[in-house]
C-alpha atoms as a PDB file:
ATOM      1  CA  MET A   1     -47.264 -38.422-118.957  1.00  0.00           C
ATOM      2  CA  ARG A   2     -50.862 -37.134-119.262  1.00  0.00           C
ATOM      3  CA  CYS A   3     -53.615 -37.750-116.858  1.00  0.00           C
ATOM      4  CA  ARG A   4     -55.556 -40.812-117.291  1.00  0.00           C
ATOM      5  CA  ARG A   5     -59.071 -41.739-116.624  1.00  0.00           C
ATOM      6  CA  ALA A   6     -59.836 -45.320-116.031  1.00  0.00           C
ATOM      7  CA  SER A   7     -63.288 -46.642-114.832  1.00  0.00           C
ATOM      8  CA  GLY A   8     -64.371 -43.287-113.744  1.00  0.00           C
ATOM      9  CA  ILE A   9     -61.170 -42.830-111.412  1.00  0.00           C
ATOM     10  CA  HIS A  10     -59.015 -39.772-112.286  1.00  0.00           C
ATOM     11  CA  TYR A  11     -55.121 -40.589-111.889  1.00  0.00           C
ATOM     12  CA  GLY A  12     -52.737 -37.929-111.491  1.00  0.00           C
ATOM     13  CA  SER A  13     -50.197 -37.140-113.928  1.00  0.00           C
ATOM     14  CA  LEU A  14     -47.207 -38.972-112.232  1.00  0.00           C
ATOM     15  CA  VAL A  15     -49.084 -42.316-112.025  1.00  0.00           C
ATOM     16  CA  THR A  16     -48.125 -44.804-114.562  1.00  0.00           C
ATOM     17  CA  ASP A  17     -50.394 -46.868-116.754  1.00  0.00           C
ATOM     18  CA  ALA A  18     -49.153 -50.032-115.121  1.00  0.00           C
ATOM     19  CA  TYR A  19     -50.488 -48.763-111.635  1.00  0.00           C
ATOM     20  CA  ALA A  20     -53.890 -47.857-113.121  1.00  0.00           C
ATOM     21  CA  VAL A  21     -54.253 -51.233-114.760  1.00  0.00           C
ATOM     22  CA  SER A  22     -53.270 -53.023-111.364  1.00  0.00           C
ATOM     23  CA  TYR A  23     -55.690 -50.782-109.495  1.00  0.00           C
ATOM     24  CA  ARG A  24     -58.595 -51.715-111.818  1.00  0.00           C
ATOM     25  CA  GLN A  25     -57.637 -55.534-111.588  1.00  0.00           C
ATOM     26  CA  SER A  26     -57.335 -55.633-107.834  1.00  0.00           C
ATOM     27  CA  MET A  27     -60.729 -54.437-107.171  1.00  0.00           C
ATOM     28  CA  ARG A  28     -63.242 -57.107-106.809  1.00  0.00           C
ATOM     29  CA  GLN A  29     -66.476 -56.984-108.869  1.00  0.00           C
ATOM     30  CA  VAL A  30     -69.670 -58.496-107.615  1.00  0.00           C
ATOM     31  CA  ASN A  31     -73.264 -58.390-109.213  1.00  0.00           C
ATOM     32  CA  VAL A  32     -76.101 -56.740-107.675  1.00  0.00           C
ATOM     33  CA  ARG A  33     -77.687 -60.047-106.594  1.00  0.00           C
ATOM     34  CA  ASP A  34     -74.564 -61.399-104.966  1.00  0.00           C
ATOM     35  CA  ALA A  35     -74.067 -58.001-103.237  1.00  0.00           C
ATOM     36  CA  GLU A  36     -77.443 -58.131-101.820  1.00  0.00           C
ATOM     37  CA  ALA A  37     -77.113 -61.903-100.551  1.00  0.00           C
ATOM     38  CA  GLU A  38     -73.504 -61.116 -98.976  1.00  0.00           C
ATOM     39  CA  LEU A  39     -73.609 -57.536 -97.959  1.00  0.00           C
ATOM     40  CA  SER A  40     -72.569 -58.113 -94.368  1.00  0.00           C
ATOM     41  CA  ARG A  41     -69.419 -59.990 -95.837  1.00  0.00           C
ATOM     42  CA  LEU A  42     -68.705 -57.358 -98.455  1.00  0.00           C
ATOM     43  CA  LEU A  43     -68.902 -54.892 -95.574  1.00  0.00           C
ATOM     44  CA  GLU A  44     -66.285 -56.649 -93.452  1.00  0.00           C
ATOM     45  CA  GLN A  45     -63.940 -56.737 -96.615  1.00  0.00           C
ATOM     46  CA  VAL A  46     -64.389 -52.918 -97.142  1.00  0.00           C
ATOM     47  CA  GLU A  47     -63.728 -52.227 -93.455  1.00  0.00           C
ATOM     48  CA  ALA A  48     -60.582 -54.105 -93.954  1.00  0.00           C
ATOM     49  CA  GLY A  49     -59.526 -51.743 -96.603  1.00  0.00           C
ATOM     50  CA  GLU A  50     -60.633 -53.463 -99.804  1.00  0.00           C
ATOM     51  CA  ARG A  51     -62.640 -51.962-102.434  1.00  0.00           C
ATOM     52  CA  VAL A  52     -65.632 -53.764-104.152  1.00  0.00           C
ATOM     53  CA  LYS A  53     -67.261 -52.998-107.373  1.00  0.00           C
ATOM     54  CA  ILE A  54     -70.836 -53.596-107.934  1.00  0.00           C
ATOM     55  CA  ALA A  55     -71.955 -54.450-111.403  1.00  0.00           C
ATOM     56  CA  ARG A  56     -75.436 -54.647-112.980  1.00  0.00           C
ATOM     57  CA  ALA A  57     -75.508 -56.666-116.142  1.00  0.00           C
ATOM     58  CA  GLY A  58     -71.543 -56.849-116.078  1.00  0.00           C
ATOM     59  CA  GLU A  59     -71.223 -52.944-115.959  1.00  0.00           C
ATOM     60  CA  PRO A  60     -70.102 -51.126-113.055  1.00  0.00           C
ATOM     61  CA  ALA A  61     -72.675 -49.333-110.964  1.00  0.00           C
ATOM     62  CA  ALA A  62     -71.086 -48.468-107.726  1.00  0.00           C
ATOM     63  CA  VAL A  63     -67.975 -49.034-105.682  1.00  0.00           C
ATOM     64  CA  LEU A  64     -67.967 -49.853-101.899  1.00  0.00           C
ATOM     65  CA  VAL A  65     -65.215 -48.125-100.202  1.00  0.00           C
ATOM     66  CA  PRO A  66     -64.083 -47.758 -96.670  1.00  0.00           C
ATOM     67  CA  TYR A  67     -65.813 -44.577 -94.928  1.00  0.00           C
ATOM     68  CA  LYS A  68     -63.411 -41.992 -93.559  1.00  0.00           C
ATOM     69  CA  ALA A  69     -64.919 -39.368 -91.066  1.00  0.00           C
ATOM     70  CA  VAL A  70     -63.777 -35.873 -91.713  1.00  0.00           C
ATOM     71  CA  VAL A  71     -62.010 -34.826 -88.651  1.00  0.00           C
ATOM     72  CA  ARG A  72     -62.010 -31.124 -88.269  1.00  0.00           C
ATOM     73  CA  ARG A  73     -59.011 -29.814 -86.283  1.00  0.00           C
ATOM     74  CA  ARG A  74     -60.114 -27.575 -83.500  1.00  0.00           C
ATOM     75  CA  ARG A  75     -58.303 -24.094 -83.446  1.00  0.00           C
ATOM     76  CA  LEU A  76     -57.411 -23.125 -80.023  1.00  0.00           C
ATOM     77  CA  GLY A  77     -57.568 -19.818 -78.534  1.00  0.00           C
ATOM     78  CA  LEU A  78     -60.508 -18.280 -80.533  1.00  0.00           C
ATOM     79  CA  ALA A  79     -62.114 -16.866 -77.379  1.00  0.00           C
ATOM     80  CA  ARG A  80     -58.784 -15.620 -75.823  1.00  0.00           C
ATOM     81  CA  GLY A  81     -59.504 -12.312 -74.311  1.00  0.00           C
ATOM     82  CA  GLN A  82     -63.141 -12.645 -74.221  1.00  0.00           C
ATOM     83  CA  VAL A  83     -63.612 -14.943 -71.124  1.00  0.00           C
ATOM     84  CA  GLN A  84     -62.747 -13.989 -67.536  1.00  0.00           C
ATOM     85  CA  LEU A  85     -62.747 -16.334 -64.581  1.00  0.00           C
ATOM     86  CA  HIS A  86     -63.657 -14.937 -61.206  1.00  0.00           C
ATOM     87  CA  PRO A  87     -60.686 -15.080 -58.762  1.00  0.00           C
ATOM     88  CA  ASP A  88     -62.316 -17.583 -56.560  1.00  0.00           C
ATOM     89  CA  PHE A  89     -63.143 -20.093 -59.510  1.00  0.00           C
ATOM     90  CA  ASP A  90     -61.112 -22.925 -57.925  1.00  0.00           C
ATOM     91  CA  GLU A  91     -62.373 -22.322 -54.439  1.00  0.00           C
ATOM     92  CA  LEU A  92     -65.034 -24.680 -53.367  1.00  0.00           C
ATOM     93  CA  PRO A  93     -67.980 -23.176 -51.181  1.00  0.00           C
ATOM     94  CA  VAL A  94     -67.862 -24.542 -47.634  1.00  0.00           C
ATOM     95  CA  ASP A  95     -71.347 -25.642 -47.805  1.00  0.00           C
ATOM     96  CA  ILE A  96     -70.839 -27.750 -50.939  1.00  0.00           C
ATOM     97  CA  ALA A  97     -67.601 -28.994 -49.622  1.00  0.00           C
ATOM     98  CA  ALA A  98     -69.365 -30.136 -46.298  1.00  0.00           C
ATOM     99  CA  SER A  99     -71.909 -32.148 -48.306  1.00  0.00           C
ATOM    100  CA  PHE A 100     -68.835 -33.965 -49.813  1.00  0.00           C
ATOM    101  CA  GLY A 101     -67.246 -34.723 -46.550  1.00  0.00           C
ATOM    102  CA  ALA A 102     -64.533 -32.221 -47.124  1.00  0.00           C
ATOM    103  CA  GLU A 103     -63.551 -29.490 -44.703  1.00  0.00           C
END
């Protein structure tokens, strides 16, 4: 099956036409005036995972979708061999230990 383009959304080659149709039908559409009036409620629905299409004069203008923050994985060990700890790093100086009541 060839790639399909429906409502500006690109579908992969393994996706069927039935899926594309059900996807388009499952998205709720509201006009701009209603979206302005009930934005808080629409945001709650979007946060719950729903997608909302906003239309101007019946033509889709925008889609509200849940925001997903990009999580960048940290690579450990980038400074390996470049940092050296002093041998007494874990030892607390006597005067500081005394101020905390430790001996």
